[in-house]
Protein backbone atom coordinates (compact mmCIF):
# COMPACT_ATOMS: atom_id res chain seq x y z
CA MET A 1 15.95 132.29 99.32
CA SER A 2 19.30 130.57 98.73
CA PHE A 3 22.30 132.34 97.26
CA ALA A 4 21.91 130.27 94.07
CA GLY A 5 18.25 131.26 93.82
CA LEU A 6 19.10 134.94 94.35
CA THR A 7 21.81 134.77 91.69
CA PHE A 8 19.39 133.08 89.30
CA GLY A 9 16.77 135.78 89.85
CA LEU A 10 19.21 138.66 89.45
CA THR A 11 20.64 137.11 86.30
CA GLY A 12 17.16 136.86 84.79
CA ILE A 13 16.25 140.44 85.72
CA ILE A 14 19.52 141.84 84.36
CA GLY A 15 19.10 139.80 81.18
CA LEU A 16 15.56 141.12 80.72
CA PHE A 17 16.72 144.72 81.08
CA VAL A 18 19.63 144.11 78.70
CA ILE A 19 17.15 142.94 76.06
CA LEU A 20 14.12 145.14 76.73
CA ILE A 21 15.67 148.57 77.30
CA PRO A 22 17.49 148.78 73.93
CA LEU A 23 14.39 147.51 72.09
CA VAL A 24 12.16 150.15 73.67
CA LEU A 25 14.76 152.84 73.03
CA ILE A 26 15.02 151.80 69.37
CA HIS A 27 11.23 152.09 69.14
CA GLU A 28 11.42 155.65 70.45
CA VAL A 29 14.34 156.48 68.15
CA GLY A 30 12.02 155.61 65.26
CA HIS A 31 9.49 158.18 66.49
CA PHE A 32 12.26 160.74 67.06
CA ILE A 33 13.83 160.40 63.61
CA MET A 34 10.54 160.53 61.70
CA ALA A 35 9.27 163.46 63.77
CA ARG A 36 12.42 165.41 62.97
CA LEU A 37 12.23 164.47 59.27
CA SER A 38 8.54 165.46 59.21
CA GLY A 39 9.24 168.89 60.71
CA ILE A 40 7.45 168.15 64.00
CA ARG A 41 9.05 169.71 67.06
CA VAL A 42 10.55 167.18 69.51
CA LEU A 43 10.64 168.70 72.99
CA GLU A 44 12.32 165.84 74.87
CA PHE A 45 13.99 162.51 74.30
CA GLY A 46 14.17 160.67 77.60
CA LEU A 47 16.22 157.64 78.65
CA GLY A 48 14.07 155.83 81.19
CA PHE A 49 10.84 157.21 82.61
CA PRO A 50 10.32 160.11 85.04
CA PRO A 51 11.04 161.29 87.63
CA ARG A 52 13.93 163.02 85.93
CA ALA A 53 17.45 162.39 87.22
CA LYS A 54 19.37 164.89 85.13
CA VAL A 55 19.53 166.73 81.82
CA LEU A 56 22.15 165.13 79.58
CA GLY A 57 22.18 167.93 77.02
CA HIS A 58 20.12 169.68 74.38
CA ASP A 59 20.24 170.91 70.82
CA HIS A 60 18.34 173.73 69.14
CA GLU A 61 14.94 172.30 70.17
CA THR A 62 15.25 168.95 71.98
CA GLU A 63 16.23 168.27 75.57
CA TYR A 64 17.91 164.92 76.27
CA THR A 65 17.23 163.60 79.76
CA LEU A 66 18.13 160.69 82.03
CA ASN A 67 15.27 159.46 84.22
CA TYR A 68 15.17 157.25 87.28
CA LEU A 69 12.95 154.39 86.03
CA PRO A 70 15.17 152.30 83.70
CA ILE A 71 12.36 150.81 81.60
CA GLY A 72 13.01 152.17 78.14
CA GLY A 73 12.48 155.72 77.06
CA PHE A 74 10.06 158.22 75.55
CA VAL A 75 9.76 161.02 73.01
CA ARG A 76 7.71 164.10 73.92
CA LEU A 77 6.36 166.01 70.93
CA GLU A 78 5.03 169.56 70.85
CA GLY A 79 1.22 169.46 70.97
CA GLU A 80 1.00 165.72 71.60
CA GLU A 81 -0.34 166.03 75.15
CA SER A 82 -1.94 169.50 75.12
CA ASN A 83 -3.16 172.11 72.67
CA SER A 84 -0.51 174.19 70.94
CA ASP A 85 -0.47 177.07 68.46
CA ASP A 86 3.01 176.10 67.27
CA PRO A 87 2.78 175.38 63.51
CA ARG A 88 5.25 172.54 64.08
CA ALA A 89 3.08 170.91 66.76
CA PHE A 90 2.13 167.26 66.27
CA THR A 91 -1.60 168.03 66.29
CA ASN A 92 -1.10 170.71 63.60
CA ALA A 93 0.72 168.35 61.24
CA GLY A 94 -1.11 166.67 58.38
CA LEU A 95 -2.58 163.23 58.94
CA PRO A 96 0.02 161.42 56.74
CA LYS A 97 2.86 162.91 58.80
CA GLN A 98 1.13 162.02 62.06
CA LEU A 99 0.61 158.41 60.99
CA ILE A 100 4.18 158.07 59.70
CA VAL A 101 5.57 159.32 63.01
CA LEU A 102 3.33 156.97 65.01
CA VAL A 103 4.05 153.88 62.90
CA SER A 104 7.80 154.50 62.72
CA GLY A 105 8.41 152.96 66.16
CA VAL A 106 6.66 149.78 65.06
CA GLY A 107 8.70 149.82 61.86
CA MET A 108 11.96 150.05 63.81
CA ASN A 109 11.00 147.07 65.97
CA LEU A 110 10.15 145.04 62.87
CA LEU A 111 13.50 145.90 61.28
CA VAL A 112 15.33 144.94 64.48
CA ALA A 113 13.44 141.63 64.67
CA ILE A 114 14.38 140.82 61.07
CA PHE A 115 18.01 141.83 61.71
CA LEU A 116 18.31 139.67 64.85
CA PHE A 117 16.68 136.68 63.16
CA PHE A 118 19.10 137.21 60.26
CA ILE A 119 22.11 137.11 62.61
CA VAL A 120 20.81 133.89 64.20
CA ALA A 121 20.08 132.28 60.82
CA TRP A 122 23.48 133.22 59.39
CA ALA A 123 25.75 132.72 62.40
CA TYR A 124 23.99 129.68 63.91
CA ASN A 125 21.28 128.40 61.55
CA PRO A 126 19.80 126.40 64.46
CA VAL A 127 17.84 123.24 63.75
CA VAL A 128 15.84 120.95 66.02
CA GLN A 129 17.78 117.69 66.26
CA PRO A 130 15.95 114.59 67.61
CA THR A 131 18.35 112.92 70.03
CA ILE A 132 18.25 109.59 71.82
CA ASP A 133 17.75 110.43 75.49
CA GLN A 134 17.43 106.90 76.90
CA VAL A 135 17.96 103.36 75.65
CA VAL A 136 15.52 100.82 77.08
CA ALA A 137 17.15 97.76 78.60
CA ASN A 138 16.86 94.47 76.65
CA SER A 139 15.61 96.36 73.59
CA PRO A 140 16.82 96.11 69.95
CA ALA A 141 18.60 99.46 70.46
CA ALA A 142 20.48 98.11 73.50
CA SER A 143 21.46 94.95 71.60
CA ALA A 144 22.81 97.08 68.72
CA GLY A 145 24.95 99.16 71.09
CA ILE A 146 23.07 102.42 70.52
CA GLN A 147 23.90 104.96 73.24
CA PRO A 148 22.10 107.94 74.81
CA GLY A 149 23.15 111.20 73.18
CA GLU A 150 23.39 109.67 69.72
CA THR A 151 21.16 110.56 66.79
CA ILE A 152 19.65 108.57 63.93
CA VAL A 153 20.92 109.88 60.59
CA SER A 154 19.13 107.45 58.26
CA ILE A 155 17.00 104.29 58.17
CA ASP A 156 17.69 101.97 55.25
CA GLY A 157 19.32 104.89 53.42
CA ARG A 158 16.45 107.29 53.97
CA THR A 159 17.46 110.58 55.61
CA TYR A 160 15.17 113.03 57.33
CA PRO A 161 15.28 116.85 57.04
CA ARG A 162 15.68 118.73 60.29
CA SER A 163 13.37 121.67 60.87
CA SER A 164 14.81 125.13 61.47
CA VAL A 165 14.04 126.72 64.81
CA LEU A 166 13.03 129.82 62.84
CA GLU A 167 10.12 127.90 61.32
CA PHE A 168 8.41 127.84 64.76
CA SER A 169 7.01 124.41 63.95
CA SER A 170 5.04 122.51 66.58
CA THR A 171 5.46 119.19 64.74
CA ASP A 172 7.47 116.47 66.49
CA PRO A 173 10.79 116.50 64.57
CA SER A 174 11.22 112.76 65.09
CA LEU A 175 7.73 111.85 63.83
CA ALA A 176 8.81 110.83 60.29
CA TRP A 177 11.43 108.33 61.35
CA ARG A 178 9.30 107.09 64.26
CA ASN A 179 6.63 106.16 61.71
CA ASP A 180 9.26 104.45 59.54
CA LEU A 181 10.49 102.37 62.46
CA LEU A 182 6.94 101.38 63.35
CA SER A 183 6.21 100.40 59.75
CA HIS A 184 9.31 98.14 59.77
CA GLY A 185 8.38 96.44 63.04
CA GLY A 186 9.70 92.82 63.13
CA GLN A 187 12.10 93.48 60.23
CA THR A 188 15.86 93.97 60.01
CA VAL A 189 16.94 97.52 59.10
CA HIS A 190 20.23 99.33 58.57
CA LEU A 191 20.69 102.48 60.63
CA VAL A 192 23.32 105.21 60.40
CA ILE A 193 23.97 106.58 63.88
CA ALA A 194 25.93 109.74 64.78
CA ASP A 195 27.49 110.41 68.18
CA ALA A 196 27.57 113.80 69.91
CA GLN A 197 30.71 114.78 67.95
CA GLY A 198 29.04 113.93 64.62
CA LYS A 199 31.05 110.75 63.96
CA GLN A 200 28.85 108.28 62.10
CA ARG A 201 28.66 104.50 62.17
CA SER A 202 26.35 101.89 60.63
CA VAL A 203 24.45 99.32 62.65
CA THR A 204 22.11 96.53 61.66
CA VAL A 205 19.23 95.92 64.02
CA THR A 206 16.22 93.67 64.02
CA LEU A 207 13.24 95.67 65.23
CA ARG A 208 10.64 94.14 67.47
CA VAL A 209 6.94 94.24 66.70
CA PRO A 210 5.69 97.34 68.51
CA THR A 211 3.02 97.07 71.18
CA GLN A 212 1.13 99.62 73.23
CA ASN A 213 3.95 99.70 75.81
CA GLU A 214 6.99 98.97 73.65
CA GLY A 215 8.31 100.73 70.55
CA ALA A 216 10.03 99.03 67.65
CA LEU A 217 13.56 100.21 68.50
CA GLY A 218 13.34 100.80 72.24
CA VAL A 219 14.55 104.37 72.75
CA VAL A 220 13.23 107.50 74.48
CA MET A 221 13.72 110.63 72.43
CA SER A 222 14.33 114.30 73.22
CA SER A 223 15.06 117.31 71.02
CA GLN A 224 18.14 119.54 71.11
CA LEU A 225 19.09 122.75 69.34
CA GLN A 226 22.02 122.24 67.02
CA ALA A 227 23.95 124.91 65.13
CA THR A 228 24.57 124.16 61.44
CA PRO A 229 26.38 126.06 58.68
CA GLY A 230 24.39 129.06 57.41
CA ASP A 231 24.72 131.48 54.51
CA PRO A 232 23.60 135.13 54.24
CA VAL A 233 21.29 134.64 51.26
CA SER A 234 19.23 131.88 52.89
CA ALA A 235 19.39 133.76 56.19
CA ILE A 236 17.53 136.73 54.70
CA GLY A 237 14.57 134.57 53.69
CA LEU A 238 14.57 132.75 57.02
CA ALA A 239 14.69 136.06 58.93
CA VAL A 240 11.76 137.64 57.07
CA GLY A 241 9.72 134.45 57.33
CA ALA A 242 10.57 134.03 61.03
CA THR A 243 9.42 137.58 61.78
CA GLY A 244 6.08 136.94 60.09
CA ARG A 245 5.65 133.59 61.84
CA ALA A 246 6.60 135.08 65.22
CA MET A 247 3.98 137.82 64.82
CA ASN A 248 1.40 135.22 63.81
CA VAL A 249 2.16 133.23 66.97
CA ILE A 250 1.96 136.41 69.06
CA LEU A 251 -1.35 137.36 67.43
CA GLY A 252 -2.72 133.94 68.36
CA ALA A 253 -1.52 134.46 71.94
CA VAL A 254 -3.33 137.83 72.07
CA GLY A 255 -6.53 136.05 71.01
CA ASP A 256 -5.98 133.38 73.67
CA ILE A 257 -5.52 136.06 76.32
CA GLY A 258 -8.77 137.75 75.27
CA ARG A 259 -10.70 134.49 75.49
CA GLN A 260 -9.11 133.71 78.86
CA LEU A 261 -10.09 137.10 80.27
CA VAL A 262 -13.69 136.61 79.15
CA THR A 263 -14.17 132.94 80.01
CA ASN A 264 -11.81 132.19 82.92
CA PRO A 265 -9.89 135.18 84.30
CA GLY A 266 -9.01 133.25 87.45
CA SER A 267 -6.59 130.98 85.58
CA ALA A 268 -3.24 131.73 84.02
CA PRO A 269 -3.27 132.69 80.32
CA PRO A 270 -2.01 129.70 78.29
CA GLY A 271 1.54 129.97 77.00
CA VAL A 272 1.88 133.65 77.92
CA SER A 273 4.42 135.25 80.25
CA GLY A 274 4.86 138.75 81.61
CA PRO A 275 8.13 140.39 82.71
CA VAL A 276 8.58 138.04 85.69
CA GLY A 277 8.04 134.94 83.58
CA ILE A 278 10.37 136.21 80.85
CA ALA A 279 13.06 137.02 83.43
CA SER A 280 12.73 133.47 84.80
CA ASP A 281 13.10 132.03 81.30
CA ILE A 282 16.19 134.16 80.69
CA GLY A 283 17.66 132.95 83.99
CA HIS A 284 17.42 129.39 82.65
CA VAL A 285 18.68 130.33 79.18
CA VAL A 286 21.95 131.92 80.35
CA GLN A 287 22.93 128.60 81.92
CA GLN A 288 22.75 126.78 78.57
CA PRO A 289 25.79 126.23 76.31
CA ASN A 290 24.01 127.99 73.41
CA ALA A 291 22.89 130.92 75.59
CA LEU A 292 23.91 133.71 73.21
CA MET A 293 21.95 132.22 70.32
CA ILE A 294 18.82 131.77 72.43
CA MET A 295 19.14 135.29 73.86
CA LEU A 296 19.26 136.68 70.33
CA LEU A 297 16.14 134.65 69.51
CA PHE A 298 14.46 136.00 72.65
CA ALA A 299 15.34 139.56 71.65
CA ALA A 300 14.03 139.06 68.10
CA ILE A 301 10.73 137.61 69.35
CA ILE A 302 10.31 140.39 71.94
CA SER A 303 11.01 143.01 69.26
CA ALA A 304 8.34 141.45 67.02
CA ASN A 305 6.06 141.38 70.08
CA LEU A 306 6.60 145.10 70.71
CA ALA A 307 5.79 145.85 67.08
CA LEU A 308 2.53 143.90 67.12
CA VAL A 309 1.34 145.01 70.55
CA ASN A 310 1.95 148.67 69.71
CA VAL A 311 -0.47 148.57 66.76
CA LEU A 312 -3.35 147.38 68.97
CA PRO A 313 -6.15 150.01 69.05
CA LEU A 314 -5.59 151.04 72.66
CA PRO A 315 -5.27 154.85 73.02
CA VAL A 316 -2.07 154.66 75.05
CA LEU A 317 -0.42 152.61 72.27
CA ASP A 318 0.60 153.75 68.79
CA GLY A 319 -2.28 151.88 67.13
CA GLY A 320 -4.84 153.60 69.33
CA LYS A 321 -3.27 156.99 68.68
CA MET A 322 -3.46 156.34 64.93
CA VAL A 323 -7.16 155.51 65.25
CA ILE A 324 -7.73 158.74 67.19
CA MET A 325 -5.87 160.80 64.56
CA ILE A 326 -7.95 159.25 61.77
CA VAL A 327 -11.24 159.84 63.63
CA LYS A 328 -10.27 163.44 64.35
CA LYS A 329 -9.44 163.97 60.69
CA ILE A 330 -12.80 162.55 59.57
CA PHE A 331 -14.81 164.70 61.99
CA GLY A 332 -12.62 167.78 61.71
CA ALA A 333 -11.48 167.85 65.37
CA ARG A 334 -8.28 169.72 66.23
CA GLY A 335 -6.13 169.90 69.33
CA VAL A 336 -6.26 167.61 72.34
CA SER A 337 -9.74 167.16 73.82
CA ALA A 338 -10.63 166.25 77.38
CA PHE A 339 -12.08 162.96 76.17
CA GLU A 340 -8.82 162.14 74.40
CA THR A 341 -6.84 162.82 77.59
CA PHE A 342 -9.25 160.63 79.58
CA ALA A 343 -8.93 157.84 77.00
CA TYR A 344 -5.14 157.90 77.34
CA VAL A 345 -5.28 157.77 81.14
CA ALA A 346 -7.96 155.06 81.22
CA SER A 347 -6.16 152.86 78.68
CA PHE A 348 -2.88 153.26 80.59
CA ALA A 349 -4.62 152.13 83.79
CA LEU A 350 -6.13 149.19 81.90
CA LEU A 351 -2.70 148.24 80.57
CA LEU A 352 -1.21 148.37 84.08
CA ALA A 353 -4.04 146.18 85.40
CA PHE A 354 -3.45 143.69 82.61
CA MET A 355 0.29 143.57 83.36
CA GLY A 356 -0.51 143.04 87.03
CA TRP A 357 -2.84 140.15 86.10
CA ILE A 358 -0.17 138.38 84.04
CA THR A 359 2.56 139.13 86.61
CA TRP A 360 0.49 137.54 89.38
CA PHE A 361 0.35 134.24 87.51
CA ASP A 362 4.06 134.57 86.65
CA ILE A 363 4.88 134.84 90.34
CA LEU A 364 2.71 131.82 91.16
CA LYS A 365 4.38 129.80 88.41
CA VAL A 366 7.95 130.78 89.38
CA SER A 367 7.30 130.14 93.08
CA GLY A 368 5.72 126.76 92.36
CA GLY A 369 2.20 127.85 93.28
CA GLN A 370 0.88 126.65 89.89
């Protein structure tokens, strides 16, 4: 591996940890705060995962520890993993308290996602800007002096709204004016063109009649992220909507993964990345001029992802634990049963196998094997 490749990989890994560790810790802080407020005894709040490196301190009931595996953190509650006669044990608390403690981590991740989307919407308000990438030789665009890097502001006085990145739209942002150009094929139109600095000029161009191989204007388009003025009031609505849309996209990806596992587990899941793939994406992002904005977007999406994934009904996750608590309440079970312990261990092994499956395809993709 070259020095540049090593630097790229380390940058991506560091960036992933910078994003992921605080988000996981915030999730655990949610559990910690609600457990304390609910009167449930918190035995340990750990930074990282065991083995333990050192004890950072303690208060009247909680030990704060630093652990060797820097992949987030954990909260250990009295009676969560084994039977306890302590009246403040998690298993001895009422069902409402148990559910509030379990869902509080998800709630914290949702609040963080909304907050990060709000910062992006207010500070950057990014939109997808169709930009002329190439001008075809001997085309109407070339004759009119249109240059790569410029954008079309209007066609015969008609302007086109730019879609916000926070709308997560899959629609081609240049589709509306492409259709207008095609509908004016063979006619003379007045265009307002803006250069990369935003300076506008008017040009008159006679479009050619489009064919299967030639467009009316003669340009090749690309899309770029462009920061625009934002305001806090609009940013709140964009942030809440973006969080909902991000979770909807993630939910669709979860469904795609399930179908892929059932129908074709030997192929990579479509549009899904694990830690290696995300680290590779971050390595590319930090090289972009708008890196901070995209990193904030990454963090917001990952936080929404953590919220949604944690409510899945897998025993090792918060959603699965909530299901177990509800079932135990219905059937009058108390304490921690052997079956419950087995379910936690089995689901954890299943989660590790799933992560290994995704990581394998990430490695193939990053190395060029797919």
